[in-house]
Amino acid sequence: MGPSFGDAFVDAGAGCVVQAAWPVNDARVAPLMERFLYEWRGGGDPVRALGAARRAAIRGELGASDPGDWAAWSASIAPPWRELMPARGPATSLRASR
């Protein structure tokens, strides 16, 4: 799989982007996203939080055990070394203003 739209946001300075690879039913995936937010707010990182939510869905805890509902999601995070790299492109002005 090549670069995604979410990767462009990370490249532009976002710390994390959670995205679906295909259209999903909002009502069916709402419990998955609620669990994801619960896990993330609990002090975890977004990738681990998404993994925990997906595992809960697979176990049937969220009522969204259909793989089409939970497998669509991925999290793109900024690499830890990004802050060591010089700013480039349109994100330069955004980083300078922080």
Protein backbone atom coordinates (compact mmCIF):
# COMPACT_ATOMS: atom_id res chain seq x y z
CA MET A 1 0.00 0.00 0.00
CA GLY A 2 1.42 3.37 -0.98
CA PRO A 3 1.22 6.76 0.71
CA SER A 4 -2.23 7.79 1.87
CA PHE A 5 -4.11 11.03 2.27
CA GLY A 6 -3.48 10.67 6.01
CA ASP A 7 0.26 10.40 5.40
CA ALA A 8 0.08 13.82 3.72
CA PHE A 9 -1.37 15.28 6.93
CA VAL A 10 1.40 13.66 8.99
CA ASP A 11 3.98 15.05 6.57
CA ALA A 12 2.40 18.48 7.00
CA GLY A 13 2.82 18.32 10.77
CA ALA A 14 -0.11 16.36 12.25
CA GLY A 15 0.97 14.06 15.07
CA CYS A 16 -1.53 11.35 14.14
CA VAL A 17 -4.24 10.62 11.60
CA VAL A 18 -6.81 7.84 11.99
CA GLN A 19 -8.54 6.98 8.72
CA ALA A 20 -10.67 4.37 7.01
CA ALA A 21 -9.37 2.76 3.82
CA TRP A 22 -12.91 2.32 2.45
CA PRO A 23 -16.38 3.69 3.19
CA VAL A 24 -17.85 2.41 6.46
CA ASN A 25 -21.27 2.61 8.07
CA ASP A 26 -21.06 5.35 10.70
CA ALA A 27 -23.65 3.79 12.99
CA ARG A 28 -21.97 0.37 12.94
CA VAL A 29 -18.46 1.67 13.63
CA ALA A 30 -19.47 4.21 16.29
CA PRO A 31 -18.83 1.71 19.15
CA LEU A 32 -15.39 0.95 17.68
CA MET A 33 -14.48 4.64 17.53
CA GLU A 34 -15.83 5.21 21.05
CA ARG A 35 -13.63 2.39 22.34
CA PHE A 36 -10.67 3.79 20.40
CA LEU A 37 -11.13 7.21 22.04
CA TYR A 38 -11.57 5.62 25.47
CA GLU A 39 -8.32 3.67 25.04
CA TRP A 40 -6.43 6.68 23.68
CA ARG A 41 -7.63 9.00 26.45
CA GLY A 42 -6.51 6.37 28.95
CA GLY A 43 -2.92 7.37 28.26
CA GLY A 44 -2.09 5.02 25.41
CA ASP A 45 -0.73 5.95 22.04
CA PRO A 46 -3.17 6.03 19.10
CA VAL A 47 -1.79 2.95 17.36
CA ARG A 48 -2.11 0.79 20.48
CA ALA A 49 -5.53 2.30 21.23
CA LEU A 50 -6.78 1.43 17.74
CA GLY A 51 -5.39 -2.09 18.11
CA ALA A 52 -7.17 -2.53 21.45
CA ALA A 53 -10.45 -1.31 19.95
CA ARG A 54 -10.09 -3.63 16.96
CA ARG A 55 -9.40 -6.63 19.22
CA ALA A 56 -12.49 -5.77 21.26
CA ALA A 57 -14.53 -5.70 18.03
CA ILE A 58 -13.09 -9.04 16.90
CA ARG A 59 -14.08 -10.57 20.24
CA GLY A 60 -17.62 -9.27 19.69
CA GLU A 61 -17.54 -6.90 22.65
CA LEU A 62 -18.63 -3.90 20.59
CA GLY A 63 -21.29 -5.41 18.36
CA ALA A 64 -19.10 -4.65 15.33
CA SER A 65 -17.35 -7.94 14.68
CA ASP A 66 -17.73 -7.74 10.89
CA PRO A 67 -14.19 -7.37 9.46
CA GLY A 68 -15.51 -4.73 7.06
CA ASP A 69 -16.22 -2.53 10.08
CA TRP A 70 -12.96 -2.84 12.02
CA ALA A 71 -10.37 -3.74 9.36
CA ALA A 72 -10.88 -0.49 7.43
CA TRP A 73 -9.11 1.58 10.06
CA SER A 74 -5.45 2.55 10.29
CA ALA A 75 -3.46 5.08 12.25
CA SER A 76 -0.59 7.04 10.74
CA ILE A 77 1.74 8.63 13.26
CA ALA A 78 4.62 11.01 12.93
CA PRO A 79 7.98 9.23 13.09
CA PRO A 80 9.88 10.01 16.30
CA TRP A 81 12.76 11.46 14.32
CA ARG A 82 10.56 14.01 12.50
CA GLU A 83 11.39 16.76 14.98
CA LEU A 84 15.08 16.34 14.15
CA MET A 85 14.48 16.97 10.46
CA PRO A 86 14.51 20.51 9.03
CA ALA A 87 11.05 21.77 8.12
CA ARG A 88 10.22 21.70 4.43
CA GLY A 89 7.44 22.67 2.10
CA PRO A 90 4.15 24.28 3.16
CA ALA A 91 4.47 22.94 6.72
CA THR A 92 7.45 25.25 7.37
CA SER A 93 5.26 28.21 8.26
CA LEU A 94 3.03 26.04 10.46
CA ARG A 95 5.96 24.68 12.47
CA ALA A 96 7.54 28.10 12.83
CA SER A 97 4.35 29.53 14.35
CA ARG A 98 4.13 26.99 17.19
